[in-house]
Amino acid sequence: MTTVLVQQGVLKVKRFFSCFCVAVALAAFCQAAPAWAQQAGSGNIAVIDIPVIFKNHDLFKRQMDELKESVTAAEAAVNKERETMKSMVDQLQTYKAGTPEYKQMEEKLAKLQADLQVKVGMQKKEIMEKEARIYYNTYNQVKQVVAQFAQRYNITLVLNFNSNDIDPTSRQSVHEGVNRPVIYQNNINITGDILQMLNTGVQSTARGPATSEIPRGR
């Protein structure tokens, strides 16, 4: 009889420690997960502020800075060619109209001007295509990271969210605010979490650090 009681007591102790370990594991998971993920009844829905993501995405900012530098260099080259053409115009005015020298210089100027217009048009198109690719690639990267994050925390829907306050004195701001898809959210904003994932391993080569004021899990 004593042996049976001891065995039953051992089983109870084992069950107690087993339940205790499970409780500790669950508590550790809740502490590791973002605050919004700990709230029950959230409906597996989260929101993200895409404009804030682009504004604080280190790699995106670096690529846009490089694009701006290429635009500045292209403008400088165009201005240099325009200065050359201006000097040629001044030289043209020293010739008498109708002379061979005048006609030769006039034709040369016309060709340079036409070539410059074509060059500027092609550069503008190239810059716009590069800008579009940067936005496209960045948005695709954001989508992939959001998908990974959503799968990790069993989120079934992520909505685009605008965290900016509506300016009652601005008609445009009010109009945009009225048309926002998300009217209310309570601690389900994953913008900060996604930014942290995006900027991991990027900040060391980026030109500007991400804004630290983005709240995580709010």
Protein backbone atom coordinates (compact mmCIF):
# COMPACT_ATOMS: atom_id res chain seq x y z
CA MET A 1 0.00 0.00 0.00
CA THR A 2 2.83 2.37 0.87
CA THR A 3 4.50 1.66 -2.48
CA VAL A 4 1.31 2.51 -4.37
CA LEU A 5 0.93 5.82 -2.51
CA VAL A 6 4.54 6.73 -3.22
CA GLN A 7 4.12 5.96 -6.94
CA GLN A 8 0.95 8.07 -7.08
CA GLY A 9 2.77 10.87 -5.34
CA VAL A 10 5.62 10.68 -7.85
CA LEU A 11 3.16 10.82 -10.75
CA LYS A 12 1.50 13.91 -9.28
CA VAL A 13 4.88 15.60 -8.87
CA LYS A 14 5.83 14.76 -12.49
CA ARG A 15 2.52 16.12 -13.78
CA PHE A 16 3.01 19.29 -11.74
CA PHE A 17 6.49 19.89 -13.16
CA SER A 18 5.26 19.10 -16.68
CA CYS A 19 2.47 21.68 -16.41
CA PHE A 20 4.88 24.13 -14.83
CA CYS A 21 7.35 23.79 -17.75
CA VAL A 22 4.58 24.33 -20.29
CA ALA A 23 3.45 27.46 -18.43
CA VAL A 24 7.02 28.80 -18.34
CA ALA A 25 7.44 28.16 -22.08
CA LEU A 26 4.21 29.99 -22.89
CA ALA A 27 5.21 32.92 -20.70
CA ALA A 28 8.59 33.13 -22.42
CA PHE A 29 6.92 33.16 -25.85
CA CYS A 30 4.57 35.96 -24.81
CA GLN A 31 7.50 38.04 -23.59
CA ALA A 32 9.46 37.46 -26.81
CA ALA A 33 6.57 38.24 -29.15
CA PRO A 34 5.65 41.87 -29.91
CA ALA A 35 3.21 43.47 -27.49
CA TRP A 36 0.41 43.54 -30.05
CA ALA A 37 0.77 39.79 -30.60
CA GLN A 38 0.09 39.12 -26.91
CA GLN A 39 -3.38 40.63 -27.00
CA ALA A 40 -6.21 38.13 -27.33
CA GLY A 41 -9.01 38.75 -29.76
CA SER A 42 -6.93 40.82 -32.18
CA GLY A 43 -8.49 38.88 -35.08
CA ASN A 44 -5.03 38.11 -36.55
CA ILE A 45 -5.03 41.54 -38.20
CA ALA A 46 -2.20 44.07 -38.24
CA VAL A 47 -1.55 47.46 -39.82
CA ILE A 48 1.57 49.00 -41.36
CA ASP A 49 2.43 52.57 -42.36
CA ILE A 50 4.05 52.20 -45.79
CA PRO A 51 5.08 55.90 -46.14
CA VAL A 52 6.89 55.63 -42.79
CA ILE A 53 8.61 52.46 -44.01
CA PHE A 54 9.92 54.20 -47.13
CA LYS A 55 10.96 57.28 -45.15
CA ASN A 56 13.06 55.22 -42.72
CA HIS A 57 14.22 52.35 -44.95
CA ASP A 58 18.03 52.64 -44.92
CA LEU A 59 18.71 50.91 -48.24
CA PHE A 60 15.94 52.84 -50.01
CA LYS A 61 17.28 56.15 -48.72
CA ARG A 62 20.81 55.27 -49.84
CA GLN A 63 19.63 54.32 -53.32
CA MET A 64 17.60 57.52 -53.63
CA ASP A 65 20.58 59.59 -52.51
CA GLU A 66 22.71 57.91 -55.19
CA LEU A 67 20.01 58.63 -57.77
CA LYS A 68 19.93 62.29 -56.71
CA GLU A 69 23.71 62.48 -57.13
CA SER A 70 23.43 61.09 -60.66
CA VAL A 71 20.74 63.68 -61.43
CA THR A 72 22.97 66.46 -60.10
CA ALA A 73 25.90 65.21 -62.21
CA ALA A 74 23.70 65.03 -65.33
CA GLU A 75 22.42 68.57 -64.75
CA ALA A 76 25.97 69.84 -64.35
CA ALA A 77 26.99 68.22 -67.65
CA VAL A 78 23.99 69.73 -69.43
CA ASN A 79 24.71 73.18 -68.00
CA LYS A 80 28.30 72.88 -69.22
CA GLU A 81 27.11 72.13 -72.74
CA ARG A 82 24.69 75.05 -72.57
CA GLU A 83 27.52 77.37 -71.58
CA THR A 84 29.48 76.14 -74.59
CA MET A 85 26.51 76.84 -76.83
CA LYS A 86 26.12 80.31 -75.31
CA SER A 87 29.73 81.06 -76.19
CA MET A 88 29.07 79.90 -79.73
CA VAL A 89 26.03 82.21 -79.94
CA ASP A 90 28.21 85.12 -78.86
CA GLN A 91 30.70 84.14 -81.52
CA LEU A 92 27.93 83.86 -84.11
CA GLN A 93 26.92 87.46 -83.49
CA THR A 94 30.39 88.57 -84.58
CA TYR A 95 29.78 87.13 -88.05
CA LYS A 96 27.83 88.83 -90.75
CA ALA A 97 24.52 87.16 -91.57
CA GLY A 98 24.58 85.23 -94.82
CA THR A 99 28.32 84.64 -94.85
CA PRO A 100 29.68 81.06 -95.02
CA GLU A 101 31.10 81.40 -91.51
CA TYR A 102 27.70 82.49 -90.17
CA LYS A 103 25.85 79.63 -91.86
CA GLN A 104 28.40 77.07 -90.69
CA MET A 105 28.20 78.26 -87.09
CA GLU A 106 24.39 78.44 -87.26
CA GLU A 107 24.13 74.85 -88.50
CA LYS A 108 26.54 73.66 -85.82
CA LEU A 109 24.51 75.36 -83.11
CA ALA A 110 21.26 73.90 -84.43
CA LYS A 111 22.74 70.39 -84.39
CA LEU A 112 24.15 70.81 -80.87
CA GLN A 113 20.81 72.10 -79.61
CA ALA A 114 18.90 69.18 -81.18
CA ASP A 115 21.38 66.64 -79.81
CA LEU A 116 21.17 68.20 -76.35
CA GLN A 117 17.36 68.00 -76.34
CA VAL A 118 17.50 64.33 -77.27
CA LYS A 119 20.16 63.67 -74.63
CA VAL A 120 18.16 65.43 -71.89
CA GLY A 121 15.02 63.52 -72.85
CA MET A 122 16.80 60.17 -72.71
CA GLN A 123 18.43 61.00 -69.38
CA LYS A 124 15.09 62.04 -67.91
CA LYS A 125 13.49 58.79 -69.05
CA GLU A 126 16.38 56.74 -67.66
CA ILE A 127 16.20 58.50 -64.28
CA MET A 128 12.44 57.98 -64.03
CA GLU A 129 12.86 54.28 -64.84
CA LYS A 130 15.59 53.92 -62.19
CA GLU A 131 13.40 55.65 -59.63
CA ALA A 132 10.48 53.37 -60.49
CA ARG A 133 12.71 50.29 -60.11
CA ILE A 134 13.93 51.46 -56.71
CA TYR A 135 10.37 51.94 -55.47
CA TYR A 136 9.26 48.65 -57.01
CA ASN A 137 12.13 46.61 -55.57
CA THR A 138 11.76 48.22 -52.15
CA TYR A 139 8.02 47.59 -52.05
CA ASN A 140 8.55 43.96 -53.07
CA GLN A 141 11.11 43.60 -50.28
CA VAL A 142 8.65 45.09 -47.80
CA LYS A 143 5.96 42.67 -48.96
CA GLN A 144 8.28 39.70 -48.50
CA VAL A 145 9.31 40.76 -44.99
CA VAL A 146 5.69 41.45 -44.03
CA ALA A 147 4.74 37.98 -45.31
CA GLN A 148 7.51 36.38 -43.24
CA PHE A 149 6.48 38.33 -40.16
CA ALA A 150 2.78 37.52 -40.68
CA GLN A 151 3.46 33.81 -41.08
CA ARG A 152 5.63 33.80 -37.97
CA TYR A 153 2.90 35.33 -35.82
CA ASN A 154 -0.10 33.81 -37.62
CA ILE A 155 -1.38 37.12 -39.01
CA THR A 156 -3.94 36.63 -41.76
CA LEU A 157 -4.41 40.25 -42.89
CA VAL A 158 -2.13 43.32 -42.97
CA LEU A 159 -3.71 46.67 -43.88
CA ASN A 160 -2.06 49.87 -45.09
CA PHE A 161 -2.29 52.42 -42.30
CA ASN A 162 -1.62 56.17 -42.13
CA SER A 163 -0.37 57.21 -38.69
CA ASN A 164 -0.23 60.95 -39.47
CA ASP A 165 -2.70 63.19 -37.69
CA ILE A 166 -5.32 64.86 -39.86
CA ASP A 167 -4.83 68.62 -40.22
CA PRO A 168 -8.29 70.21 -39.81
CA THR A 169 -7.07 73.39 -41.52
CA SER A 170 -6.03 71.54 -44.68
CA ARG A 171 -8.76 70.46 -47.09
CA GLN A 172 -6.46 67.90 -48.71
CA SER A 173 -5.44 66.42 -45.36
CA VAL A 174 -9.07 66.13 -44.26
CA HIS A 175 -10.08 64.59 -47.59
CA GLU A 176 -7.26 62.02 -47.41
CA GLY A 177 -8.12 61.28 -43.78
CA VAL A 178 -11.78 60.64 -44.54
CA ASN A 179 -10.76 58.12 -47.22
CA ARG A 180 -8.29 56.19 -45.06
CA PRO A 181 -9.01 52.45 -45.09
CA VAL A 182 -8.22 52.09 -41.37
CA ILE A 183 -10.28 54.25 -39.02
CA TYR A 184 -9.18 52.73 -35.72
CA GLN A 185 -6.45 50.37 -34.57
CA ASN A 186 -5.42 49.35 -31.07
CA ASN A 187 -1.81 48.27 -30.62
CA ILE A 188 -1.59 46.23 -33.84
CA ASN A 189 0.85 48.51 -35.73
CA ILE A 190 3.81 46.40 -36.94
CA THR A 191 5.64 49.25 -38.71
CA GLY A 192 8.49 49.36 -36.19
CA ASP A 193 8.95 45.59 -36.24
CA ILE A 194 9.10 45.49 -40.04
CA LEU A 195 11.58 48.40 -40.15
CA GLN A 196 13.86 46.62 -37.72
CA MET A 197 13.86 43.52 -39.94
CA LEU A 198 14.41 45.56 -43.11
CA ASN A 199 17.31 47.58 -41.72
CA THR A 200 19.16 44.64 -40.20
CA GLY A 201 22.56 44.47 -41.89
CA VAL A 202 21.87 47.62 -43.92
CA GLN A 203 22.47 50.45 -41.49
CA SER A 204 26.26 50.05 -41.53
CA THR A 205 26.35 50.98 -45.24
CA ALA A 206 23.44 53.43 -45.27
CA ARG A 207 23.98 57.17 -45.22
CA GLY A 208 21.46 57.95 -42.55
CA PRO A 209 20.20 55.94 -39.58
CA ALA A 210 16.58 54.96 -39.35
CA THR A 211 14.38 57.18 -37.21
CA SER A 212 14.33 55.78 -33.69
CA GLU A 213 11.00 57.37 -32.87
CA ILE A 214 8.99 54.70 -34.68
CA PRO A 215 7.09 52.84 -31.92
CA ARG A 216 7.35 49.07 -31.97
CA GLY A 217 4.16 47.12 -31.41
CA ARG A 218 1.84 50.10 -31.27
